């Protein structure tokens, strides 16, 4: 069940690429691509499976999919055509040369912060659709300029955007992100290791008690709950790949020190057992 590494058929002479699709069904395989994808669902009702999360979609919904996020759209009603408009772009491509420009740096930083994707809140969908339609009618320089207007519009509602997958910070932390982002980055890089409260508190230059209070205030979660969510996210990815011979091996590879604890935490976060998750995941992909 390894996601297909998809190559977006974008022309070489454009920094961004926009296409409208009217199809019998969405591309049916779990896949990923290096480009960000902003997709506007014009027709179709179903579910988006992205990394370790499932999101329902309906006409008017707009999603940003991050670089190399494994995903697949599936319609609820077979035989009914779907219609969507997708905008593909990569900050590592031609746009990377603009990252040093002071006027554009904030917009490209905003894109970088959205690597886990997001769904545009309903009250802002109309404005985003407006910019997408303008992009469809534009070409070359006009299209690029309008693309930055679109990013500017999205960046203004950053505080209202929630990532489509993984663990998120509390919105109140956006105004003071440096210390907590540094700590969360450390956890994301070392969550498979045995990280003690004393160790992470020392990195924050706080006492364990002060650290717990600070971390909960910033993320809305306790340190243990946050760490467990990172580990369960990794476990879901490993379960989806289907490379391991047993769930026990996945539990240990994700950072848990016992299968009992893994099963308990998995149920508490997702509401089902790992075995049922695997069964549902396969049925979702292949039904």
C-alpha atoms as a PDB file:
ATOM      1  CA  UNK A   1       0.000   0.000   0.000  1.00  0.00           C
ATOM      2  CA  UNK A   2       2.946   2.297  -0.612  1.00  0.00           C
ATOM      3  CA  UNK A   3       1.744   5.604  -2.124  1.00  0.00           C
ATOM      4  CA  UNK A   4       2.547   6.150  -5.789  1.00  0.00           C
ATOM      5  CA  UNK A   5       5.114   8.899  -6.367  1.00  0.00           C
ATOM      6  CA  UNK A   6       3.199  10.961  -8.910  1.00  0.00           C
ATOM      7  CA  UNK A   7       4.724  13.333 -11.442  1.00  0.00           C
ATOM      8  CA  UNK A   8       2.542  16.375 -12.099  1.00  0.00           C
ATOM      9  CA  UNK A   9       2.525  17.050 -15.872  1.00  0.00           C
ATOM     10  CA  UNK A  10       3.328  20.738 -15.471  1.00  0.00           C
ATOM     11  CA  UNK A  11       4.866  22.701 -18.366  1.00  0.00           C
ATOM     12  CA  UNK A  12       8.509  23.647 -17.918  1.00  0.00           C
ATOM     13  CA  UNK A  13       7.960  27.310 -18.753  1.00  0.00           C
ATOM     14  CA  UNK A  14       5.633  28.048 -15.795  1.00  0.00           C
ATOM     15  CA  UNK A  15       6.246  28.550 -12.088  1.00  0.00           C
ATOM     16  CA  UNK A  16       2.675  27.532 -11.285  1.00  0.00           C
ATOM     17  CA  UNK A  17       0.306  25.198 -13.098  1.00  0.00           C
ATOM     18  CA  UNK A  18      -3.488  25.205 -13.007  1.00  0.00           C
ATOM     19  CA  UNK A  19      -5.832  22.626 -14.496  1.00  0.00           C
ATOM     20  CA  UNK A  20      -9.553  21.852 -14.423  1.00  0.00           C
ATOM     21  CA  UNK A  21     -10.662  18.211 -14.475  1.00  0.00           C
ATOM     22  CA  UNK A  22     -14.071  16.778 -15.335  1.00  0.00           C
ATOM     23  CA  UNK A  23     -13.797  13.015 -14.838  1.00  0.00           C
ATOM     24  CA  UNK A  24     -15.806   9.901 -14.048  1.00  0.00           C
ATOM     25  CA  UNK A  25     -13.872   9.645 -10.783  1.00  0.00           C
ATOM     26  CA  UNK A  26     -10.808  11.011  -9.025  1.00  0.00           C
ATOM     27  CA  UNK A  27      -7.396   9.405  -9.498  1.00  0.00           C
ATOM     28  CA  UNK A  28      -8.057   6.138  -7.576  1.00  0.00           C
ATOM     29  CA  UNK A  29      -4.647   5.397  -6.032  1.00  0.00           C
ATOM     30  CA  UNK A  30      -3.011   6.722  -2.904  1.00  0.00           C
ATOM     31  CA  UNK A  31      -0.285   8.992  -4.243  1.00  0.00           C
ATOM     32  CA  UNK A  32       1.990  11.915  -3.458  1.00  0.00           C
ATOM     33  CA  UNK A  33       3.882  14.567  -5.403  1.00  0.00           C
ATOM     34  CA  UNK A  34       6.523  17.177  -4.622  1.00  0.00           C
ATOM     35  CA  UNK A  35       4.265  20.068  -5.582  1.00  0.00           C
ATOM     36  CA  UNK A  36       1.759  21.715  -3.277  1.00  0.00           C
ATOM     37  CA  UNK A  37      -1.784  21.300  -4.586  1.00  0.00           C
ATOM     38  CA  UNK A  38      -4.613  23.730  -3.941  1.00  0.00           C
ATOM     39  CA  UNK A  39      -7.763  21.905  -5.067  1.00  0.00           C
ATOM     40  CA  UNK A  40     -11.247  23.357  -5.376  1.00  0.00           C
ATOM     41  CA  UNK A  41     -14.015  20.733  -5.479  1.00  0.00           C
ATOM     42  CA  UNK A  42     -16.650  22.038  -7.894  1.00  0.00           C
ATOM     43  CA  UNK A  43     -18.668  18.818  -8.163  1.00  0.00           C
ATOM     44  CA  UNK A  44     -18.487  15.640  -6.103  1.00  0.00           C
ATOM     45  CA  UNK A  45     -19.145  14.330  -2.605  1.00  0.00           C
ATOM     46  CA  UNK A  46     -16.850  11.938  -0.777  1.00  0.00           C
ATOM     47  CA  UNK A  47     -13.826  11.573   1.460  1.00  0.00           C
ATOM     48  CA  UNK A  48     -10.201  12.641   1.306  1.00  0.00           C
ATOM     49  CA  UNK A  49      -7.763  10.203   2.895  1.00  0.00           C
ATOM     50  CA  UNK A  50      -4.576  12.133   3.665  1.00  0.00           C
ATOM     51  CA  UNK A  51      -1.674  10.623   5.632  1.00  0.00           C
ATOM     52  CA  UNK A  52      -3.358   9.426   8.825  1.00  0.00           C
ATOM     53  CA  UNK A  53      -6.622  11.393   8.599  1.00  0.00           C
ATOM     54  CA  UNK A  54      -9.939  11.220   6.758  1.00  0.00           C
ATOM     55  CA  UNK A  55     -11.840  14.379   5.742  1.00  0.00           C
ATOM     56  CA  UNK A  56     -15.211  14.613   4.023  1.00  0.00           C
ATOM     57  CA  UNK A  57     -15.625  16.918   1.039  1.00  0.00           C
ATOM     58  CA  UNK A  58     -18.503  18.452  -0.880  1.00  0.00           C
ATOM     59  CA  UNK A  59     -18.919  21.036  -3.671  1.00  0.00           C
ATOM     60  CA  UNK A  60     -17.246  24.314  -2.763  1.00  0.00           C
ATOM     61  CA  UNK A  61     -14.616  22.815  -0.470  1.00  0.00           C
ATOM     62  CA  UNK A  62     -11.004  23.891  -0.994  1.00  0.00           C
ATOM     63  CA  UNK A  63      -7.977  21.994   0.320  1.00  0.00           C
ATOM     64  CA  UNK A  64      -4.281  22.723   0.268  1.00  0.00           C
ATOM     65  CA  UNK A  65      -2.240  19.506   0.146  1.00  0.00           C
ATOM     66  CA  UNK A  66       1.362  19.819   1.313  1.00  0.00           C
ATOM     67  CA  UNK A  67       4.427  18.596  -0.505  1.00  0.00           C
ATOM     68  CA  UNK A  68       4.607  14.781  -0.589  1.00  0.00           C
ATOM     69  CA  UNK A  69       1.490  14.300   1.538  1.00  0.00           C
ATOM     70  CA  UNK A  70       0.043  10.891   0.626  1.00  0.00           C
ATOM     71  CA  UNK A  71      -3.593  11.335  -0.413  1.00  0.00           C
ATOM     72  CA  UNK A  72      -6.519   9.992  -2.410  1.00  0.00           C
ATOM     73  CA  UNK A  73     -10.015  11.370  -3.077  1.00  0.00           C
ATOM     74  CA  UNK A  74     -12.912   8.903  -3.175  1.00  0.00           C
ATOM     75  CA  UNK A  75     -16.492   9.718  -4.140  1.00  0.00           C
ATOM     76  CA  UNK A  76     -19.463   8.460  -2.153  1.00  0.00           C
ATOM     77  CA  UNK A  77     -21.583   7.941  -5.290  1.00  0.00           C
ATOM     78  CA  UNK A  78     -20.120   5.732  -8.010  1.00  0.00           C
ATOM     79  CA  UNK A  79     -20.807   6.654 -11.634  1.00  0.00           C
ATOM     80  CA  UNK A  80     -21.349  10.350 -10.923  1.00  0.00           C
ATOM     81  CA  UNK A  81     -18.784  12.655 -12.540  1.00  0.00           C
ATOM     82  CA  UNK A  82     -16.492  14.825 -10.471  1.00  0.00           C
ATOM     83  CA  UNK A  83     -15.148  18.269 -11.288  1.00  0.00           C
ATOM     84  CA  UNK A  84     -12.251  20.088  -9.696  1.00  0.00           C
ATOM     85  CA  UNK A  85      -9.729  22.846 -10.289  1.00  0.00           C
ATOM     86  CA  UNK A  86      -6.170  22.273  -9.053  1.00  0.00           C
ATOM     87  CA  UNK A  87      -3.302  24.705  -8.695  1.00  0.00           C
ATOM     88  CA  UNK A  88       0.156  23.106  -8.433  1.00  0.00           C
ATOM     89  CA  UNK A  89       3.299  24.930  -7.320  1.00  0.00           C
ATOM     90  CA  UNK A  90       6.621  24.174  -5.678  1.00  0.00           C
ATOM     91  CA  UNK A  91       8.624  26.686  -3.588  1.00  0.00           C
ATOM     92  CA  UNK A  92      11.704  24.574  -4.360  1.00  0.00           C
ATOM     93  CA  UNK A  93      11.337  25.157  -8.066  1.00  0.00           C
ATOM     94  CA  UNK A  94      11.332  28.444  -9.941  1.00  0.00           C
ATOM     95  CA  UNK A  95       9.649  30.174  -6.987  1.00  0.00           C
ATOM     96  CA  UNK A  96      12.697  29.512  -4.792  1.00  0.00           C
ATOM     97  CA  UNK A  97      14.561  32.337  -6.529  1.00  0.00           C
ATOM     98  CA  UNK A  98      11.960  34.752  -5.133  1.00  0.00           C
ATOM     99  CA  UNK A  99      12.354  33.627  -1.527  1.00  0.00           C
ATOM    100  CA  UNK A 100      15.052  36.241  -0.887  1.00  0.00           C
ATOM    101  CA  UNK A 101      12.831  39.114  -1.995  1.00  0.00           C
ATOM    102  CA  UNK A 102      11.639  40.982   1.138  1.00  0.00           C
ATOM    103  CA  UNK A 103       8.236  41.665  -0.393  1.00  0.00           C
ATOM    104  CA  UNK A 104       7.577  37.947  -0.996  1.00  0.00           C
ATOM    105  CA  UNK A 105       9.437  36.326   1.893  1.00  0.00           C
ATOM    106  CA  UNK A 106       6.459  36.398   4.262  1.00  0.00           C
ATOM    107  CA  UNK A 107       4.182  34.749   1.702  1.00  0.00           C
ATOM    108  CA  UNK A 108       6.643  31.938   1.006  1.00  0.00           C
ATOM    109  CA  UNK A 109       7.216  31.494   4.757  1.00  0.00           C
ATOM    110  CA  UNK A 110       3.452  31.093   5.085  1.00  0.00           C
ATOM    111  CA  UNK A 111       3.540  28.321   2.484  1.00  0.00           C
ATOM    112  CA  UNK A 112       6.337  26.588   4.367  1.00  0.00           C
ATOM    113  CA  UNK A 113       4.262  26.615   7.570  1.00  0.00           C
ATOM    114  CA  UNK A 114       1.421  24.854   5.738  1.00  0.00           C
ATOM    115  CA  UNK A 115       3.270  21.669   4.811  1.00  0.00           C
ATOM    116  CA  UNK A 116       0.603  19.572   6.548  1.00  0.00           C
ATOM    117  CA  UNK A 117      -2.083  21.131   4.408  1.00  0.00           C
ATOM    118  CA  UNK A 118      -5.337  22.776   5.433  1.00  0.00           C
ATOM    119  CA  UNK A 119      -9.000  23.168   4.492  1.00  0.00           C
ATOM    120  CA  UNK A 120     -10.181  26.691   3.705  1.00  0.00           C
ATOM    121  CA  UNK A 121     -12.858  27.742   6.241  1.00  0.00           C
ATOM    122  CA  UNK A 122     -16.327  27.982   4.593  1.00  0.00           C
ATOM    123  CA  UNK A 123     -16.641  31.736   5.203  1.00  0.00           C
ATOM    124  CA  UNK A 124     -13.485  32.350   3.139  1.00  0.00           C
ATOM    125  CA  UNK A 125     -14.215  29.935   0.285  1.00  0.00           C
ATOM    126  CA  UNK A 126     -15.912  32.566  -1.885  1.00  0.00           C
ATOM    127  CA  UNK A 127     -12.903  34.869  -1.885  1.00  0.00           C
ATOM    128  CA  UNK A 128     -10.456  32.037  -2.598  1.00  0.00           C
ATOM    129  CA  UNK A 129     -12.663  30.753  -5.452  1.00  0.00           C
ATOM    130  CA  UNK A 130     -12.635  34.270  -6.880  1.00  0.00           C
ATOM    131  CA  UNK A 131      -8.825  34.301  -7.029  1.00  0.00           C
ATOM    132  CA  UNK A 132      -8.694  30.788  -8.494  1.00  0.00           C
ATOM    133  CA  UNK A 133     -11.068  31.825 -11.284  1.00  0.00           C
ATOM    134  CA  UNK A 134      -8.895  34.858 -12.005  1.00  0.00           C
ATOM    135  CA  UNK A 135      -5.846  32.591 -12.173  1.00  0.00           C
ATOM    136  CA  UNK A 136      -7.614  30.374 -14.709  1.00  0.00           C
ATOM    137  CA  UNK A 137      -8.144  33.386 -16.970  1.00  0.00           C
ATOM    138  CA  UNK A 138      -4.619  34.772 -16.526  1.00  0.00           C
ATOM    139  CA  UNK A 139      -1.370  33.855 -18.202  1.00  0.00           C
ATOM    140  CA  UNK A 140       2.360  34.303 -17.679  1.00  0.00           C
ATOM    141  CA  UNK A 141       3.174  37.409 -15.596  1.00  0.00           C
ATOM    142  CA  UNK A 142      -0.467  38.185 -14.755  1.00  0.00           C
ATOM    143  CA  UNK A 143      -0.943  34.631 -13.513  1.00  0.00           C
ATOM    144  CA  UNK A 144       2.115  34.850 -11.277  1.00  0.00           C
ATOM    145  CA  UNK A 145       1.032  38.198  -9.809  1.00  0.00           C
ATOM    146  CA  UNK A 146      -2.480  36.883  -9.151  1.00  0.00           C
ATOM    147  CA  UNK A 147      -0.985  33.796  -7.528  1.00  0.00           C
ATOM    148  CA  UNK A 148       0.698  35.980  -4.923  1.00  0.00           C
ATOM    149  CA  UNK A 149      -2.567  37.821  -4.337  1.00  0.00           C
ATOM    150  CA  UNK A 150      -4.122  34.408  -3.652  1.00  0.00           C
ATOM    151  CA  UNK A 151      -1.370  33.534  -1.161  1.00  0.00           C
ATOM    152  CA  UNK A 152      -1.804  36.918   0.499  1.00  0.00           C
ATOM    153  CA  UNK A 153      -5.523  36.269   0.903  1.00  0.00           C
ATOM    154  CA  UNK A 154      -4.867  32.864   2.489  1.00  0.00           C
ATOM    155  CA  UNK A 155      -2.096  34.142   4.769  1.00  0.00           C
ATOM    156  CA  UNK A 156      -4.485  36.701   6.280  1.00  0.00           C
ATOM    157  CA  UNK A 157      -6.621  33.874   7.710  1.00  0.00           C
ATOM    158  CA  UNK A 158      -3.681  31.744   8.860  1.00  0.00           C
ATOM    159  CA  UNK A 159      -4.915  31.791  12.468  1.00  0.00           C
ATOM    160  CA  UNK A 160      -8.120  30.054  11.350  1.00  0.00           C
ATOM    161  CA  UNK A 161      -6.409  27.261   9.408  1.00  0.00           C
ATOM    162  CA  UNK A 162      -5.980  23.816  10.944  1.00  0.00           C
ATOM    163  CA  UNK A 163      -3.571  21.207   9.538  1.00  0.00           C
ATOM    164  CA  UNK A 164      -5.132  18.260   7.730  1.00  0.00           C
ATOM    165  CA  UNK A 165      -2.816  15.779   9.412  1.00  0.00           C
ATOM    166  CA  UNK A 166      -0.585  15.405  12.420  1.00  0.00           C
ATOM    167  CA  UNK A 167      -0.363  17.387  15.623  1.00  0.00           C
ATOM    168  CA  UNK A 168      -1.119  21.098  15.646  1.00  0.00           C
ATOM    169  CA  UNK A 169      -0.237  24.033  17.880  1.00  0.00           C
ATOM    170  CA  UNK A 170      -2.867  26.012  19.699  1.00  0.00           C
ATOM    171  CA  UNK A 171      -3.862  29.091  17.680  1.00  0.00           C
ATOM    172  CA  UNK A 172      -2.934  31.400  20.553  1.00  0.00           C
ATOM    173  CA  UNK A 173       0.711  30.374  20.128  1.00  0.00           C
ATOM    174  CA  UNK A 174       0.979  31.836  16.616  1.00  0.00           C
ATOM    175  CA  UNK A 175       1.998  35.227  18.019  1.00  0.00           C
ATOM    176  CA  UNK A 176       5.007  33.753  19.872  1.00  0.00           C
ATOM    177  CA  UNK A 177       6.113  30.689  17.942  1.00  0.00           C
ATOM    178  CA  UNK A 178       9.893  30.561  18.260  1.00  0.00           C
ATOM    179  CA  UNK A 179      10.474  28.648  21.490  1.00  0.00           C
ATOM    180  CA  UNK A 180       7.552  26.242  21.148  1.00  0.00           C
ATOM    181  CA  UNK A 181       8.253  25.588  17.465  1.00  0.00           C
ATOM    182  CA  UNK A 182      11.845  24.759  18.361  1.00  0.00           C
ATOM    183  CA  UNK A 183      10.689  22.311  21.037  1.00  0.00           C
ATOM    184  CA  UNK A 184       8.077  20.738  18.766  1.00  0.00           C
ATOM    185  CA  UNK A 185      10.640  20.352  16.000  1.00  0.00           C
ATOM    186  CA  UNK A 186      12.907  18.499  18.433  1.00  0.00           C
ATOM    187  CA  UNK A 187      10.031  16.184  19.376  1.00  0.00           C
ATOM    188  CA  UNK A 188       9.182  15.517  15.731  1.00  0.00           C
ATOM    189  CA  UNK A 189      12.796  14.558  15.050  1.00  0.00           C
ATOM    190  CA  UNK A 190      13.268  12.404  18.176  1.00  0.00           C
ATOM    191  CA  UNK A 191       9.802  11.075  19.112  1.00  0.00           C
ATOM    192  CA  UNK A 192      10.944   7.469  18.526  1.00  0.00           C
ATOM    193  CA  UNK A 193      13.453   7.855  21.347  1.00  0.00           C
ATOM    194  CA  UNK A 194      12.820   7.613  25.084  1.00  0.00           C
ATOM    195  CA  UNK A 195      12.371  11.328  25.864  1.00  0.00           C
ATOM    196  CA  UNK A 196      11.929  12.137  29.546  1.00  0.00           C
ATOM    197  CA  UNK A 197      10.119  15.152  30.959  1.00  0.00           C
ATOM    198  CA  UNK A 198      13.346  16.300  32.634  1.00  0.00           C
ATOM    199  CA  UNK A 199      15.211  16.167  29.316  1.00  0.00           C
ATOM    200  CA  UNK A 200      12.705  18.229  27.334  1.00  0.00           C
ATOM    201  CA  UNK A 201      12.248  20.689  30.214  1.00  0.00           C
ATOM    202  CA  UNK A 202      16.016  21.252  30.320  1.00  0.00           C
ATOM    203  CA  UNK A 203      16.021  22.066  26.591  1.00  0.00           C
ATOM    204  CA  UNK A 204      13.377  24.714  27.290  1.00  0.00           C
ATOM    205  CA  UNK A 205      15.415  26.105  30.219  1.00  0.00           C
ATOM    206  CA  UNK A 206      12.435  25.520  32.507  1.00  0.00           C
ATOM    207  CA  UNK A 207      11.705  23.384  35.530  1.00  0.00           C
ATOM    208  CA  UNK A 208       9.566  20.307  34.740  1.00  0.00           C
ATOM    209  CA  UNK A 209       6.552  21.882  36.438  1.00  0.00           C
ATOM    210  CA  UNK A 210       6.949  25.208  34.581  1.00  0.00           C
ATOM    211  CA  UNK A 211       7.542  23.377  31.308  1.00  0.00           C
ATOM    212  CA  UNK A 212       4.329  21.348  31.653  1.00  0.00           C
ATOM    213  CA  UNK A 213       2.347  24.521  32.263  1.00  0.00           C
ATOM    214  CA  UNK A 214       4.002  26.351  29.350  1.00  0.00           C
ATOM    215  CA  UNK A 215       3.637  23.430  26.919  1.00  0.00           C
ATOM    216  CA  UNK A 216      -0.050  22.905  27.747  1.00  0.00           C
ATOM    217  CA  UNK A 217      -0.743  26.626  27.366  1.00  0.00           C
ATOM    218  CA  UNK A 218       0.976  26.734  23.954  1.00  0.00           C
ATOM    219  CA  UNK A 219      -0.294  23.524  22.374  1.00  0.00           C
ATOM    220  CA  UNK A 220      -3.497  22.796  24.255  1.00  0.00           C
ATOM    221  CA  UNK A 221      -2.080  19.344  25.044  1.00  0.00           C
ATOM    222  CA  UNK A 222       0.092  17.822  27.736  1.00  0.00           C
ATOM    223  CA  UNK A 223       3.633  16.840  26.828  1.00  0.00           C
ATOM    224  CA  UNK A 224       2.764  13.121  27.028  1.00  0.00           C
ATOM    225  CA  UNK A 225      -0.387  13.521  24.911  1.00  0.00           C
ATOM    226  CA  UNK A 226       1.519  15.478  22.250  1.00  0.00           C
ATOM    227  CA  UNK A 227       4.310  12.902  22.136  1.00  0.00           C
ATOM    228  CA  UNK A 228       1.793  10.066  21.887  1.00  0.00           C
ATOM    229  CA  UNK A 229       0.034  11.751  18.956  1.00  0.00           C
ATOM    230  CA  UNK A 230       3.324  12.012  17.082  1.00  0.00           C
ATOM    231  CA  UNK A 231       3.968   8.328  17.677  1.00  0.00           C
ATOM    232  CA  UNK A 232       0.456   7.279  16.656  1.00  0.00           C
ATOM    233  CA  UNK A 233       0.754   9.358  13.482  1.00  0.00           C
ATOM    234  CA  UNK A 234       3.939   7.449  12.636  1.00  0.00           C
ATOM    235  CA  UNK A 235       2.272   4.131  13.495  1.00  0.00           C
ATOM    236  CA  UNK A 236      -0.614   4.926  11.122  1.00  0.00           C
ATOM    237  CA  UNK A 237       1.829   5.565   8.295  1.00  0.00           C
ATOM    238  CA  UNK A 238       3.641   2.295   8.981  1.00  0.00           C
ATOM    239  CA  UNK A 239       0.357   0.376   9.179  1.00  0.00           C
ATOM    240  CA  UNK A 240      -0.650   1.856   5.835  1.00  0.00           C
ATOM    241  CA  UNK A 241       2.597   0.799   4.175  1.00  0.00           C
ATOM    242  CA  UNK A 242       2.049  -2.812   5.274  1.00  0.00           C
ATOM    243  CA  UNK A 243       5.763  -3.621   5.359  1.00  0.00           C
ATOM    244  CA  UNK A 244       5.948  -5.011   8.910  1.00  0.00           C
ATOM    245  CA  UNK A 245       5.220  -8.597   9.870  1.00  0.00           C
ATOM    246  CA  UNK A 246       3.470  -7.680  13.103  1.00  0.00           C
ATOM    247  CA  UNK A 247       1.779  -4.768  14.832  1.00  0.00           C
ATOM    248  CA  UNK A 248       4.232  -5.218  17.726  1.00  0.00           C
ATOM    249  CA  UNK A 249       7.146  -4.242  15.477  1.00  0.00           C
ATOM    250  CA  UNK A 250       5.257  -1.152  14.324  1.00  0.00           C
ATOM    251  CA  UNK A 251       4.582  -0.173  17.949  1.00  0.00           C
ATOM    252  CA  UNK A 252       8.283  -0.300  18.810  1.00  0.00           C
ATOM    253  CA  UNK A 253       9.338   1.416  15.568  1.00  0.00           C
ATOM    254  CA  UNK A 254       6.921   4.266  16.364  1.00  0.00           C
ATOM    255  CA  UNK A 255       8.490   4.813  19.792  1.00  0.00           C
ATOM    256  CA  UNK A 256       6.303   2.791  22.179  1.00  0.00           C
ATOM    257  CA  UNK A 257       8.006   0.537  24.706  1.00  0.00           C
ATOM    258  CA  UNK A 258       5.134  -1.952  25.036  1.00  0.00           C
ATOM    259  CA  UNK A 259       2.382  -3.309  22.800  1.00  0.00           C
ATOM    260  CA  UNK A 260      -0.136  -2.928  25.644  1.00  0.00           C
ATOM    261  CA  UNK A 261       0.548   0.774  25.971  1.00  0.00           C
ATOM    262  CA  UNK A 262       0.477   1.174  22.189  1.00  0.00           C
ATOM    263  CA  UNK A 263      -2.946  -0.473  21.887  1.00  0.00           C
ATOM    264  CA  UNK A 264      -4.337   1.626  24.734  1.00  0.00           C
ATOM    265  CA  UNK A 265      -3.057   4.926  23.312  1.00  0.00           C
ATOM    266  CA  UNK A 266      -4.116   4.004  19.765  1.00  0.00           C
ATOM    267  CA  UNK A 267      -7.682   3.350  20.931  1.00  0.00           C
ATOM    268  CA  UNK A 268      -7.805   6.513  23.020  1.00  0.00           C
ATOM    269  CA  UNK A 269      -6.754   8.702  20.056  1.00  0.00           C
ATOM    270  CA  UNK A 270      -8.485   7.016  17.099  1.00  0.00           C
ATOM    271  CA  UNK A 271     -11.279   5.153  18.863  1.00  0.00           C
ATOM    272  CA  UNK A 272     -10.463   1.806  17.220  1.00  0.00           C
ATOM    273  CA  UNK A 273      -7.804  -0.878  17.543  1.00  0.00           C
ATOM    274  CA  UNK A 274      -4.770  -1.026  15.209  1.00  0.00           C
ATOM    275  CA  UNK A 275      -6.146  -4.198  13.559  1.00  0.00           C
ATOM    276  CA  UNK A 276      -9.475  -2.545  12.761  1.00  0.00           C
ATOM    277  CA  UNK A 277      -7.621   0.526  11.471  1.00  0.00           C
ATOM    278  CA  UNK A 278      -5.674  -1.636   9.000  1.00  0.00           C
ATOM    279  CA  UNK A 279      -8.857  -3.406   7.864  1.00  0.00           C
ATOM    280  CA  UNK A 280     -10.731  -0.117   7.369  1.00  0.00           C
ATOM    281  CA  UNK A 281      -7.747   1.440   5.589  1.00  0.00           C
ATOM    282  CA  UNK A 282      -7.563  -1.413   3.077  1.00  0.00           C
ATOM    283  CA  UNK A 283     -11.322  -1.445   2.529  1.00  0.00           C
ATOM    284  CA  UNK A 284     -11.232   2.312   1.948  1.00  0.00           C
ATOM    285  CA  UNK A 285      -8.544   2.016  -0.711  1.00  0.00           C
ATOM    286  CA  UNK A 286      -9.770  -1.069  -2.529  1.00  0.00           C
ATOM    287  CA  UNK A 287     -13.567  -1.180  -2.188  1.00  0.00           C
END
